[in-house]
PDB file of N, CA and C in Angstrom:
ATOM      1  N   MET A   1     114.731 -97.559  19.019  1.00  0.00           N
ATOM      2  CA  MET A   1     114.447 -97.211  17.644  1.00  0.00           C
ATOM      3  C   MET A   1     115.399 -98.016  16.759  1.00  0.00           C
ATOM      4  N   LYS A   2     114.837 -98.656  15.761  1.00  0.00           N
ATOM      5  CA  LYS A   2     115.649 -99.408  14.808  1.00  0.00           C
ATOM      6  C   LYS A   2     115.574 -98.705  13.466  1.00  0.00           C
ATOM      7  N   LEU A   3     116.688 -98.706  12.757  1.00  0.00           N
ATOM      8  CA  LEU A   3     116.771 -98.034  11.475  1.00  0.00           C
ATOM      9  C   LEU A   3     117.276 -99.014  10.432  1.00  0.00           C
ATOM     10  N   GLN A   4     116.597 -99.060   9.303  1.00  0.00           N
ATOM     11  CA  GLN A   4     117.030 -99.889   8.180  1.00  0.00           C
ATOM     12  C   GLN A   4     117.139 -98.986   6.965  1.00  0.00           C
ATOM     13  N   VAL A   5     118.300 -99.000   6.340  1.00  0.00           N
ATOM     14  CA  VAL A   5     118.534 -98.183   5.147  1.00  0.00           C
ATOM     15  C   VAL A   5     118.949 -99.117   4.023  1.00  0.00           C
ATOM     16  N   GLN A   6     118.239 -99.024   2.907  1.00  0.00           N
ATOM     17  CA  GLN A   6     118.578 -99.834   1.745  1.00  0.00           C
ATOM     18  C   GLN A   6     118.238 -99.026   0.501  1.00  0.00           C
ATOM     19  N   GLY A   7     119.240 -98.728  -0.280  1.00  0.00           N
ATOM     20  CA  GLY A   7     119.013 -97.922  -1.480  1.00  0.00           C
ATOM     21  C   GLY A   7     118.363 -96.600  -1.099  1.00  0.00           C
ATOM     22  N   GLN A   8     117.231 -96.299  -1.710  1.00  0.00           N
ATOM     23  CA  GLN A   8     116.510 -95.054  -1.447  1.00  0.00           C
ATOM     24  C   GLN A   8     115.356 -95.245  -0.457  1.00  0.00           C
ATOM     25  N   SER A   9     115.423 -96.299   0.346  1.00  0.00           N
ATOM     26  CA  SER A   9     114.391 -96.555   1.356  1.00  0.00           C
ATOM     27  C   SER A   9     114.970 -96.481   2.758  1.00  0.00           C
ATOM     28  N   VAL A  10     114.286 -95.741   3.603  1.00  0.00           N
ATOM     29  CA  VAL A  10     114.643 -95.652   5.015  1.00  0.00           C
ATOM     30  C   VAL A  10     113.435 -96.124   5.809  1.00  0.00           C
ATOM     31  N   ARG A  11     113.654 -97.092   6.686  1.00  0.00           N
ATOM     32  CA  ARG A  11     112.577 -97.642   7.516  1.00  0.00           C
ATOM     33  C   ARG A  11     112.965 -97.467   8.977  1.00  0.00           C
ATOM     34  N   VAL A  12     112.101 -96.797   9.728  1.00  0.00           N
ATOM     35  CA  VAL A  12     112.311 -96.589  11.156  1.00  0.00           C
ATOM     36  C   VAL A  12     111.266 -97.425  11.884  1.00  0.00           C
ATOM     37  N   ARG A  13     111.713 -98.242  12.826  1.00  0.00           N
ATOM     38  CA  ARG A  13     110.801 -99.099  13.574  1.00  0.00           C
ATOM     39  C   ARG A  13     110.878 -98.697  15.047  1.00  0.00           C
ATOM     40  N   LEU A  14     109.721 -98.332  15.603  1.00  0.00           N
ATOM     41  CA  LEU A  14     109.657 -97.860  16.985  1.00  0.00           C
ATOM     42  C   LEU A  14     109.050 -98.909  17.900  1.00  0.00           C
ATOM     43  N   SER A  15     109.601 -99.027  19.093  1.00  0.00           N
ATOM     44  CA  SER A  15     108.963 -99.822  20.141  1.00  0.00           C
ATOM     45  C   SER A  15     107.894 -98.940  20.786  1.00  0.00           C
ATOM     46  N   GLU A  16     107.083 -99.521  21.623  1.00  0.00           N
ATOM     47  CA  GLU A  16     106.078 -98.720  22.343  1.00  0.00           C
ATOM     48  C   GLU A  16     106.754 -97.677  23.228  1.00  0.00           C
ATOM     49  N   ASP A  17     107.892 -98.011  23.843  1.00  0.00           N
ATOM     50  CA  ASP A  17     108.615 -97.044  24.675  1.00  0.00           C
ATOM     51  C   ASP A  17     109.139 -95.883  23.836  1.00  0.00           C
ATOM     52  N   ASP A  18     109.672 -96.188  22.652  1.00  0.00           N
ATOM     53  CA  ASP A  18     110.117 -95.124  21.741  1.00  0.00           C
ATOM     54  C   ASP A  18     108.952 -94.227  21.356  1.00  0.00           C
ATOM     55  N   LEU A  19     107.820 -94.852  21.032  1.00  0.00           N
ATOM     56  CA  LEU A  19     106.640 -94.097  20.632  1.00  0.00           C
ATOM     57  C   LEU A  19     106.152 -93.199  21.764  1.00  0.00           C
ATOM     58  N   ALA A  20     106.128 -93.719  22.988  1.00  0.00           N
ATOM     59  CA  ALA A  20     105.699 -92.924  24.142  1.00  0.00           C
ATOM     60  C   ALA A  20     106.602 -91.710  24.329  1.00  0.00           C
ATOM     61  N   ALA A  21     107.908 -91.908  24.200  1.00  0.00           N
ATOM     62  CA  ALA A  21     108.853 -90.789  24.331  1.00  0.00           C
ATOM     63  C   ALA A  21     108.618 -89.757  23.239  1.00  0.00           C
ATOM     64  N   LEU A  22     108.379 -90.220  22.020  1.00  0.00           N
ATOM     65  CA  LEU A  22     108.138 -89.311  20.901  1.00  0.00           C
ATOM     66  C   LEU A  22     106.864 -88.508  21.104  1.00  0.00           C
ATOM     67  N   LEU A  23     105.787 -89.168  21.467  1.00  0.00           N
ATOM     68  CA  LEU A  23     104.511 -88.474  21.639  1.00  0.00           C
ATOM     69  C   LEU A  23     104.517 -87.547  22.848  1.00  0.00           C
ATOM     70  N   GLU A  24     105.227 -87.934  23.901  1.00  0.00           N
ATOM     71  CA  GLU A  24     105.257 -87.106  25.110  1.00  0.00           C
ATOM     72  C   GLU A  24     106.193 -85.912  24.980  1.00  0.00           C
ATOM     73  N   GLY A  25     107.385 -86.147  24.451  1.00  0.00           N
ATOM     74  CA  GLY A  25     108.383 -85.078  24.407  1.00  0.00           C
ATOM     75  C   GLY A  25     108.622 -84.484  23.033  1.00  0.00           C
ATOM     76  N   GLY A  26     107.996 -85.063  21.994  1.00  0.00           N
ATOM     77  CA  GLY A  26     108.183 -84.534  20.651  1.00  0.00           C
ATOM     78  C   GLY A  26     109.466 -84.970  19.986  1.00  0.00           C
ATOM     79  N   ARG A  27     110.207 -85.861  20.667  1.00  0.00           N
ATOM     80  CA  ARG A  27     111.498 -86.293  20.122  1.00  0.00           C
ATOM     81  C   ARG A  27     111.836 -87.675  20.657  1.00  0.00           C
ATOM     82  N   CYS A  28     112.455 -88.460  19.803  1.00  0.00           N
ATOM     83  CA  CYS A  28     112.974 -89.771  20.168  1.00  0.00           C
ATOM     84  C   CYS A  28     114.354 -89.863  19.542  1.00  0.00           C
ATOM     85  N   SER A  29     115.334 -90.305  20.298  1.00  0.00           N
ATOM     86  CA  SER A  29     116.700 -90.351  19.780  1.00  0.00           C
ATOM     87  C   SER A  29     117.345 -91.700  20.051  1.00  0.00           C
ATOM     88  N   ASP A  30     118.323 -92.022  19.219  1.00  0.00           N
ATOM     89  CA  ASP A  30     119.103 -93.233  19.372  1.00  0.00           C
ATOM     90  C   ASP A  30     120.534 -92.891  18.980  1.00  0.00           C
ATOM     91  N   VAL A  31     121.500 -93.410  19.718  1.00  0.00           N
ATOM     92  CA  VAL A  31     122.905 -93.091  19.462  1.00  0.00           C
ATOM     93  C   VAL A  31     123.708 -94.381  19.342  1.00  0.00           C
ATOM     94  N   THR A  32     124.581 -94.424  18.367  1.00  0.00           N
ATOM     95  CA  THR A  32     125.506 -95.535  18.193  1.00  0.00           C
ATOM     96  C   THR A  32     126.917 -94.995  18.349  1.00  0.00           C
ATOM     97  N   SER A  33     127.663 -95.582  19.284  1.00  0.00           N
ATOM     98  CA  SER A  33     129.063 -95.204  19.455  1.00  0.00           C
ATOM     99  C   SER A  33     129.889 -95.887  18.384  1.00  0.00           C
ATOM    100  N   LEU A  34     130.705 -95.110  17.712  1.00  0.00           N
ATOM    101  CA  LEU A  34     131.583 -95.632  16.665  1.00  0.00           C
ATOM    102  C   LEU A  34     133.035 -95.637  17.113  1.00  0.00           C
ATOM    103  N   GLY A  35     133.225 -95.698  18.418  1.00  0.00           N
ATOM    104  CA  GLY A  35     134.582 -95.716  18.975  1.00  0.00           C
ATOM    105  C   GLY A  35     135.342 -94.449  18.650  1.00  0.00           C
ATOM    106  N   THR A  36     136.514 -94.606  18.101  1.00  0.00           N
ATOM    107  CA  THR A  36     137.358 -93.443  17.802  1.00  0.00           C
ATOM    108  C   THR A  36     136.782 -92.564  16.687  1.00  0.00           C
ATOM    109  N   LEU A  37     135.786 -93.073  15.959  1.00  0.00           N
ATOM    110  CA  LEU A  37     135.169 -92.287  14.888  1.00  0.00           C
ATOM    111  C   LEU A  37     134.081 -91.344  15.407  1.00  0.00           C
ATOM    112  N   GLY A  38     133.745 -91.445  16.685  1.00  0.00           N
ATOM    113  CA  GLY A  38     132.712 -90.584  17.263  1.00  0.00           C
ATOM    114  C   GLY A  38     131.404 -91.325  17.455  1.00  0.00           C
ATOM    115  N   CYS A  39     130.299 -90.614  17.288  1.00  0.00           N
ATOM    116  CA  CYS A  39     128.968 -91.184  17.475  1.00  0.00           C
ATOM    117  C   CYS A  39     128.101 -90.889  16.258  1.00  0.00           C
ATOM    118  N   TRP A  40     127.109 -91.722  16.076  1.00  0.00           N
ATOM    119  CA  TRP A  40     126.104 -91.503  15.044  1.00  0.00           C
ATOM    120  C   TRP A  40     124.765 -91.444  15.761  1.00  0.00           C
ATOM    121  N   GLN A  41     124.108 -90.300  15.686  1.00  0.00           N
ATOM    122  CA  GLN A  41     122.839 -90.084  16.375  1.00  0.00           C
ATOM    123  C   GLN A  41     121.715 -89.952  15.372  1.00  0.00           C
ATOM    124  N   ARG A  42     120.566 -90.568  15.702  1.00  0.00           N
ATOM    125  CA  ARG A  42     119.361 -90.440  14.903  1.00  0.00           C
ATOM    126  C   ARG A  42     118.287 -89.819  15.767  1.00  0.00           C
ATOM    127  N   ASP A  43     117.705 -88.721  15.291  1.00  0.00           N
ATOM    128  CA  ASP A  43     116.633 -88.019  15.997  1.00  0.00           C
ATOM    129  C   ASP A  43     115.367 -88.074  15.171  1.00  0.00           C
ATOM    130  N   LEU A  44     114.278 -88.446  15.806  1.00  0.00           N
ATOM    131  CA  LEU A  44     112.953 -88.402  15.202  1.00  0.00           C
ATOM    132  C   LEU A  44     112.238 -87.271  15.924  1.00  0.00           C
ATOM    133  N   ILE A  45     111.803 -86.247  15.183  1.00  0.00           N
ATOM    134  CA  ILE A  45     111.269 -85.030  15.801  1.00  0.00           C
ATOM    135  C   ILE A  45     109.900 -84.718  15.212  1.00  0.00           C
ATOM    136  N   LEU A  46     108.904 -84.539  16.084  1.00  0.00           N
ATOM    137  CA  LEU A  46     107.582 -84.123  15.633  1.00  0.00           C
ATOM    138  C   LEU A  46     107.585 -82.619  15.429  1.00  0.00           C
ATOM    139  N   VAL A  47     107.103 -82.183  14.271  1.00  0.00           N
ATOM    140  CA  VAL A  47     107.092 -80.756  13.933  1.00  0.00           C
ATOM    141  C   VAL A  47     105.677 -80.338  13.537  1.00  0.00           C
ATOM    142  N   PRO A  48     105.344 -79.055  13.696  1.00  0.00           N
ATOM    143  CA  PRO A  48     104.002 -78.595  13.361  1.00  0.00           C
ATOM    144  C   PRO A  48     103.740 -78.485  11.854  1.00  0.00           C
ATOM    145  N   ALA A  49     104.757 -78.632  11.030  1.00  0.00           N
ATOM    146  CA  ALA A  49     104.616 -78.487   9.581  1.00  0.00           C
ATOM    147  C   ALA A  49     103.805 -79.627   8.975  1.00  0.00           C
ATOM    148  N   LEU A  50     103.321 -79.426   7.765  1.00  0.00           N
ATOM    149  CA  LEU A  50     102.586 -80.468   7.040  1.00  0.00           C
ATOM    150  C   LEU A  50     103.526 -81.409   6.301  1.00  0.00           C
ATOM    151  N   VAL A  51     104.751 -80.965   6.071  1.00  0.00           N
ATOM    152  CA  VAL A  51     105.744 -81.758   5.357  1.00  0.00           C
ATOM    153  C   VAL A  51     106.958 -81.932   6.245  1.00  0.00           C
ATOM    154  N   GLY A  52     107.485 -83.133   6.291  1.00  0.00           N
ATOM    155  CA  GLY A  52     108.682 -83.410   7.072  1.00  0.00           C
ATOM    156  C   GLY A  52     109.865 -83.576   6.149  1.00  0.00           C
ATOM    157  N   GLY A  53     110.892 -84.190   6.665  1.00  0.00           N
ATOM    158  CA  GLY A  53     112.064 -84.435   5.841  1.00  0.00           C
ATOM    159  C   GLY A  53     113.227 -84.909   6.669  1.00  0.00           C
ATOM    160  N   LEU A  54     114.318 -85.160   6.000  1.00  0.00           N
ATOM    161  CA  LEU A  54     115.531 -85.668   6.619  1.00  0.00           C
ATOM    162  C   LEU A  54     116.650 -84.661   6.412  1.00  0.00           C
ATOM    163  N   SER A  55     117.392 -84.409   7.482  1.00  0.00           N
ATOM    164  CA  SER A  55     118.574 -83.569   7.351  1.00  0.00           C
ATOM    165  C   SER A  55     119.711 -84.230   8.118  1.00  0.00           C
ATOM    166  N   ALA A  56     120.911 -83.875   7.763  1.00  0.00           N
ATOM    167  CA  ALA A  56     122.081 -84.433   8.430  1.00  0.00           C
ATOM    168  C   ALA A  56     123.073 -83.318   8.707  1.00  0.00           C
ATOM    169  N   GLU A  57     123.612 -83.356   9.915  1.00  0.00           N
ATOM    170  CA  GLU A  57     124.642 -82.390  10.293  1.00  0.00           C
ATOM    171  C   GLU A  57     125.632 -83.115  11.176  1.00  0.00           C
ATOM    172  N   GLY A  58     126.868 -83.149  10.760  1.00  0.00           N
ATOM    173  CA  GLY A  58     127.864 -83.890  11.514  1.00  0.00           C
ATOM    174  C   GLY A  58     127.468 -85.352  11.607  1.00  0.00           C
ATOM    175  N   GLY A  59     127.447 -85.881  12.793  1.00  0.00           N
ATOM    176  CA  GLY A  59     127.079 -87.277  13.002  1.00  0.00           C
ATOM    177  C   GLY A  59     125.630 -87.465  13.387  1.00  0.00           C
ATOM    178  N   THR A  60     124.762 -86.491  13.071  1.00  0.00           N
ATOM    179  CA  THR A  60     123.356 -86.587  13.462  1.00  0.00           C
ATOM    180  C   THR A  60     122.442 -86.528  12.248  1.00  0.00           C
ATOM    181  N   TRP A  61     121.555 -87.510  12.155  1.00  0.00           N
ATOM    182  CA  TRP A  61     120.466 -87.491  11.179  1.00  0.00           C
ATOM    183  C   TRP A  61     119.222 -87.067  11.913  1.00  0.00           C
ATOM    184  N   SER A  62     118.528 -86.066  11.411  1.00  0.00           N
ATOM    185  CA  SER A  62     117.282 -85.595  12.018  1.00  0.00           C
ATOM    186  C   SER A  62     116.138 -85.828  11.044  1.00  0.00           C
ATOM    187  N   LEU A  63     115.173 -86.618  11.476  1.00  0.00           N
ATOM    188  CA  LEU A  63     114.000 -86.916  10.680  1.00  0.00           C
ATOM    189  C   LEU A  63     112.835 -86.142  11.274  1.00  0.00           C
ATOM    190  N   ARG A  64     112.344 -85.147  10.517  1.00  0.00           N
ATOM    191  CA  ARG A  64     111.239 -84.302  10.968  1.00  0.00           C
ATOM    192  C   ARG A  64     109.938 -84.889  10.453  1.00  0.00           C
ATOM    193  N   VAL A  65     108.973 -85.076  11.375  1.00  0.00           N
ATOM    194  CA  VAL A  65     107.715 -85.755  11.064  1.00  0.00           C
ATOM    195  C   VAL A  65     106.545 -84.833  11.398  1.00  0.00           C
ATOM    196  N   PRO A  66     105.592 -84.649  10.479  1.00  0.00           N
ATOM    197  CA  PRO A  66     104.421 -83.806  10.764  1.00  0.00           C
ATOM    198  C   PRO A  66     103.630 -84.355  11.958  1.00  0.00           C
ATOM    199  N   ARG A  67     103.531 -83.546  13.010  1.00  0.00           N
ATOM    200  CA  ARG A  67     102.939 -83.990  14.270  1.00  0.00           C
ATOM    201  C   ARG A  67     101.499 -84.474  14.136  1.00  0.00           C
ATOM    202  N   ALA A  68     100.618 -83.664  13.574  1.00  0.00           N
ATOM    203  CA  ALA A  68      99.193 -84.007  13.543  1.00  0.00           C
ATOM    204  C   ALA A  68      98.949 -85.312  12.785  1.00  0.00           C
ATOM    205  N   ALA A  69      99.568 -85.461  11.635  1.00  0.00           N
ATOM    206  CA  ALA A  69      99.374 -86.670  10.835  1.00  0.00           C
ATOM    207  C   ALA A  69      99.936 -87.895  11.547  1.00  0.00           C
ATOM    208  N   PHE A  70     101.094 -87.746  12.191  1.00  0.00           N
ATOM    209  CA  PHE A  70     101.688 -88.894  12.871  1.00  0.00           C
ATOM    210  C   PHE A  70     100.889 -89.271  14.117  1.00  0.00           C
ATOM    211  N   GLU A  71     100.410 -88.279  14.865  1.00  0.00           N
ATOM    212  CA  GLU A  71      99.598 -88.589  16.054  1.00  0.00           C
ATOM    213  C   GLU A  71      98.320 -89.326  15.658  1.00  0.00           C
ATOM    214  N   ALA A  72      97.709 -88.948  14.535  1.00  0.00           N
ATOM    215  CA  ALA A  72      96.514 -89.658  14.052  1.00  0.00           C
ATOM    216  C   ALA A  72      96.869 -91.102  13.700  1.00  0.00           C
ATOM    217  N   PHE A  73      97.986 -91.295  13.037  1.00  0.00           N
ATOM    218  CA  PHE A  73      98.459 -92.642  12.694  1.00  0.00           C
ATOM    219  C   PHE A  73      98.688 -93.468  13.964  1.00  0.00           C
ATOM    220  N   ALA A  74      99.399 -92.901  14.921  1.00  0.00           N
ATOM    221  CA  ALA A  74      99.734 -93.629  16.148  1.00  0.00           C
ATOM    222  C   ALA A  74      98.491 -93.959  16.973  1.00  0.00           C
ATOM    223  N   GLY A  75      97.463 -93.132  16.879  1.00  0.00           N
ATOM    224  CA  GLY A  75      96.236 -93.361  17.623  1.00  0.00           C
ATOM    225  C   GLY A  75      95.434 -94.540  17.117  1.00  0.00           C
ATOM    226  N   GLU A  76      95.783 -95.055  15.955  1.00  0.00           N
ATOM    227  CA  GLU A  76      95.051 -96.178  15.361  1.00  0.00           C
ATOM    228  C   GLU A  76      95.787 -97.503  15.532  1.00  0.00           C
ATOM    229  N   ARG A  77      96.685 -97.593  16.513  1.00  0.00           N
ATOM    230  CA  ARG A  77      97.414 -98.838  16.746  1.00  0.00           C
ATOM    231  C   ARG A  77      96.493 -99.897  17.311  1.00  0.00           C
ATOM    232  N   PRO A  78      96.825-101.167  17.123  1.00  0.00           N
ATOM    233  CA  PRO A  78      97.935-101.671  16.309  1.00  0.00           C
ATOM    234  C   PRO A  78      97.576-101.682  14.835  1.00  0.00           C
ATOM    235  N   ARG A  79      98.559-101.434  14.006  1.00  0.00           N
ATOM    236  CA  ARG A  79      98.398-101.473  12.552  1.00  0.00           C
ATOM    237  C   ARG A  79      99.629-102.132  11.954  1.00  0.00           C
ATOM    238  N   ARG A  80      99.429-102.725  10.822  1.00  0.00           N
ATOM    239  CA  ARG A  80     100.536-103.406  10.151  1.00  0.00           C
ATOM    240  C   ARG A  80     101.268-102.494   9.169  1.00  0.00           C
ATOM    241  N   ASP A  81     100.596-101.442   8.704  1.00  0.00           N
ATOM    242  CA  ASP A  81     101.252-100.542   7.755  1.00  0.00           C
ATOM    243  C   ASP A  81     102.068 -99.507   8.512  1.00  0.00           C
ATOM    244  N   GLY A  82     102.865 -98.774   7.782  1.00  0.00           N
ATOM    245  CA  GLY A  82     103.686 -97.748   8.390  1.00  0.00           C
ATOM    246  C   GLY A  82     103.217 -96.356   8.001  1.00  0.00           C
ATOM    247  N   PHE A  83     103.731 -95.367   8.706  1.00  0.00           N
ATOM    248  CA  PHE A  83     103.479 -93.967   8.397  1.00  0.00           C
ATOM    249  C   PHE A  83     104.481 -93.576   7.317  1.00  0.00           C
ATOM    250  N   VAL A  84     103.983 -93.230   6.153  1.00  0.00           N
ATOM    251  CA  VAL A  84     104.851 -92.839   5.051  1.00  0.00           C
ATOM    252  C   VAL A  84     105.051 -91.335   5.135  1.00  0.00           C
ATOM    253  N   LEU A  85     106.280 -90.940   5.281  1.00  0.00           N
ATOM    254  CA  LEU A  85     106.595 -89.522   5.440  1.00  0.00           C
ATOM    255  C   LEU A  85     106.387 -88.794   4.130  1.00  0.00           C
ATOM    256  N   PRO A  86     105.515 -87.776   4.142  1.00  0.00           N
ATOM    257  CA  PRO A  86     105.337 -86.977   2.924  1.00  0.00           C
ATOM    258  C   PRO A  86     106.663 -86.352   2.513  1.00  0.00           C
ATOM    259  N   GLY A  87     106.875 -86.189   1.216  1.00  0.00           N
ATOM    260  CA  GLY A  87     108.125 -85.660   0.653  1.00  0.00           C
ATOM    261  C   GLY A  87     108.673 -84.444   1.343  1.00  0.00           C
ATOM    262  N   GLY A  88     109.628 -83.825   0.761  1.00  0.00           N
ATOM    263  CA  GLY A  88     110.215 -82.629   1.329  1.00  0.00           C
ATOM    264  C   GLY A  88     111.700 -82.781   1.580  1.00  0.00           C
ATOM    265  N   ASP A  89     112.220 -84.016   1.467  1.00  0.00           N
ATOM    266  CA  ASP A  89     113.646 -84.194   1.716  1.00  0.00           C
ATOM    267  C   ASP A  89     114.480 -83.853   0.485  1.00  0.00           C
ATOM    268  N   GLY A  90     113.847 -83.816  -0.692  1.00  0.00           N
ATOM    269  CA  GLY A  90     114.549 -83.445  -1.907  1.00  0.00           C
ATOM    270  C   GLY A  90     115.499 -84.506  -2.434  1.00  0.00           C
ATOM    271  N   ALA A  91     115.588 -85.651  -1.759  1.00  0.00           N
ATOM    272  CA  ALA A  91     116.532 -86.682  -2.168  1.00  0.00           C
ATOM    273  C   ALA A  91     115.840 -87.878  -2.810  1.00  0.00           C
ATOM    274  N   GLY A  92     114.506 -87.851  -2.922  1.00  0.00           N
ATOM    275  CA  GLY A  92     113.787 -88.978  -3.487  1.00  0.00           C
ATOM    276  C   GLY A  92     113.777 -90.203  -2.590  1.00  0.00           C
ATOM    277  N   LEU A  93     113.854 -89.985  -1.292  1.00  0.00           N
ATOM    278  CA  LEU A  93     113.839 -91.097  -0.340  1.00  0.00           C
ATOM    279  C   LEU A  93     112.417 -91.525  -0.018  1.00  0.00           C
ATOM    280  N   ASP A  94     112.228 -92.832   0.136  1.00  0.00           N
ATOM    281  CA  ASP A  94     110.983 -93.372   0.674  1.00  0.00           C
ATOM    282  C   ASP A  94     111.234 -93.608   2.156  1.00  0.00           C
ATOM    283  N   ILE A  95     110.553 -92.836   3.015  1.00  0.00           N
ATOM    284  CA  ILE A  95     110.763 -92.945   4.456  1.00  0.00           C
ATOM    285  C   ILE A  95     109.479 -93.440   5.100  1.00  0.00           C
ATOM    286  N   THR A  96     109.587 -94.543   5.839  1.00  0.00           N
ATOM    287  CA  THR A  96     108.445 -95.146   6.511  1.00  0.00           C
ATOM    288  C   THR A  96     108.772 -95.328   7.984  1.00  0.00           C
ATOM    289  N   ILE A  97     107.789 -94.997   8.836  1.00  0.00           N
ATOM    290  CA  ILE A  97     107.934 -95.182  10.278  1.00  0.00           C
ATOM    291  C   ILE A  97     106.898 -96.205  10.707  1.00  0.00           C
ATOM    292  N   GLU A  98     107.350 -97.234  11.405  1.00  0.00           N
ATOM    293  CA  GLU A  98     106.460 -98.291  11.865  1.00  0.00           C
ATOM    294  C   GLU A  98     106.538 -98.411  13.376  1.00  0.00           C
ATOM    295  N   VAL A  99     105.415 -98.849  13.969  1.00  0.00           N
ATOM    296  CA  VAL A  99     105.385 -99.161  15.396  1.00  0.00           C
ATOM    297  C   VAL A  99     105.300-100.673  15.497  1.00  0.00           C
ATOM    298  N   ASP A 100     106.142-101.272  16.325  1.00  0.00           N
ATOM    299  CA  ASP A 100     106.186-102.723  16.454  1.00  0.00           C
ATOM    300  C   ASP A 100     104.823-103.257  16.864  1.00  0.00           C
ATOM    301  N   VAL A 101     104.128-103.911  15.949  1.00  0.00           N
ATOM    302  CA  VAL A 101     102.766-104.404  16.175  1.00  0.00           C
ATOM    303  C   VAL A 101     102.741-105.412  17.317  1.00  0.00           C
ATOM    304  N   ARG A 102     103.728-106.267  17.393  1.00  0.00           N
ATOM    305  CA  ARG A 102     103.747-107.269  18.468  1.00  0.00           C
ATOM    306  C   ARG A 102     103.809-106.594  19.822  1.00  0.00           C
ATOM    307  N   ASP A 103     104.593-105.531  19.933  1.00  0.00           N
ATOM    308  CA  ASP A 103     104.704-104.797  21.188  1.00  0.00           C
ATOM    309  C   ASP A 103     103.386-104.097  21.509  1.00  0.00           C
ATOM    310  N   SER A 104     102.704-103.535  20.509  1.00  0.00           N
ATOM    311  CA  SER A 104     101.423-102.859  20.716  1.00  0.00           C
ATOM    312  C   SER A 104     100.377-103.827  21.226  1.00  0.00           C
ATOM    313  N   ARG A 105     100.344-105.020  20.676  1.00  0.00           N
ATOM    314  CA  ARG A 105      99.351-106.007  21.099  1.00  0.00           C
ATOM    315  C   ARG A 105      99.544-106.386  22.559  1.00  0.00           C
ATOM    316  N   LYS A 106     100.779-106.441  23.020  1.00  0.00           N
ATOM    317  CA  LYS A 106     101.047-106.785  24.418  1.00  0.00           C
ATOM    318  C   LYS A 106     100.545-105.708  25.361  1.00  0.00           C
ATOM    319  N   ARG A 107     100.615-104.453  24.934  1.00  0.00           N
ATOM    320  CA  ARG A 107     100.299-103.338  25.825  1.00  0.00           C
ATOM    321  C   ARG A 107      98.855-102.870  25.773  1.00  0.00           C
ATOM    322  N   LEU A 108      98.166-103.096  24.673  1.00  0.00           N
ATOM    323  CA  LEU A 108      96.792-102.625  24.560  1.00  0.00           C
ATOM    324  C   LEU A 108      95.857-103.558  25.316  1.00  0.00           C
ATOM    325  N   PRO A 109      94.913-103.008  26.112  1.00  0.00           N
ATOM    326  CA  PRO A 109      93.983-103.875  26.835  1.00  0.00           C
ATOM    327  C   PRO A 109      93.065-104.595  25.862  1.00  0.00           C
ATOM    328  N   ARG A 110      92.726-105.816  26.211  1.00  0.00           N
ATOM    329  CA  ARG A 110      91.793-106.577  25.385  1.00  0.00           C
ATOM    330  C   ARG A 110      90.385-106.070  25.645  1.00  0.00           C
ATOM    331  N   SER A 111      89.589-106.014  24.588  1.00  0.00           N
ATOM    332  CA  SER A 111      88.206-105.561  24.741  1.00  0.00           C
ATOM    333  C   SER A 111      87.396-106.662  25.399  1.00  0.00           C
ATOM    334  N   ALA A 112      86.257-106.282  25.989  1.00  0.00           N
ATOM    335  CA  ALA A 112      85.385-107.248  26.670  1.00  0.00           C
ATOM    336  C   ALA A 112      84.928-108.341  25.713  1.00  0.00           C
ATOM    337  N   SER A 113      84.722-107.985  24.441  1.00  0.00           N
ATOM    338  CA  SER A 113      84.226-108.966  23.473  1.00  0.00           C
ATOM    339  C   SER A 113      85.285-109.989  23.102  1.00  0.00           C
ATOM    340  N   SER A 114      86.572-109.696  23.345  1.00  0.00           N
ATOM    341  CA  SER A 114      87.613-110.638  22.993  1.00  0.00           C
ATOM    342  C   SER A 114      88.021-111.522  24.177  1.00  0.00           C
ATOM    343  N   ARG A 115      87.443-111.264  25.352  1.00  0.00           N
ATOM    344  CA  ARG A 115      87.758-112.078  26.525  1.00  0.00           C
ATOM    345  C   ARG A 115      86.953-113.369  26.512  1.00  0.00           C
ATOM    346  N   PRO A 116      87.574-114.466  26.942  1.00  0.00           N
ATOM    347  CA  PRO A 116      86.832-115.708  26.982  1.00  0.00           C
ATOM    348  C   PRO A 116      85.724-115.651  28.041  1.00  0.00           C
ATOM    349  N   GLU A 117      84.632-116.296  27.744  1.00  0.00           N
ATOM    350  CA  GLU A 117      83.521-116.339  28.691  1.00  0.00           C
ATOM    351  C   GLU A 117      83.855-117.298  29.814  1.00  0.00           C
ATOM    352  N   GLY A 118      83.264-117.052  30.973  1.00  0.00           N
ATOM    353  CA  GLY A 118      83.476-118.020  32.020  1.00  0.00           C
ATOM    354  C   GLY A 118      83.422-117.439  33.312  1.00  0.00           C
TER     355      GLY A 118
END
């Protein structure tokens, strides 16, 4: 899982392996060791709610994502756009979750119509 934070925008980029873990277990996590300062953990959690959001406790950021809407988004891969998290964080953040399109193309089987004849 890759995280990009700039101003009021948060962008989460998932690999296919991250996405599989999220869809299978309802959670995907990433941890950065900060040496003597401890660790910084990011959790992406699928929740049954219609609205998600971001919370922080200690060294952990938890991003709650509406399960049904995200599963529908993920089922339409590969796509170039991201899943825009509906509000609810109260901080005015723009949060987008993307699945690495290049990785999706490698893993998805090619359709019969896209195979060369011969």
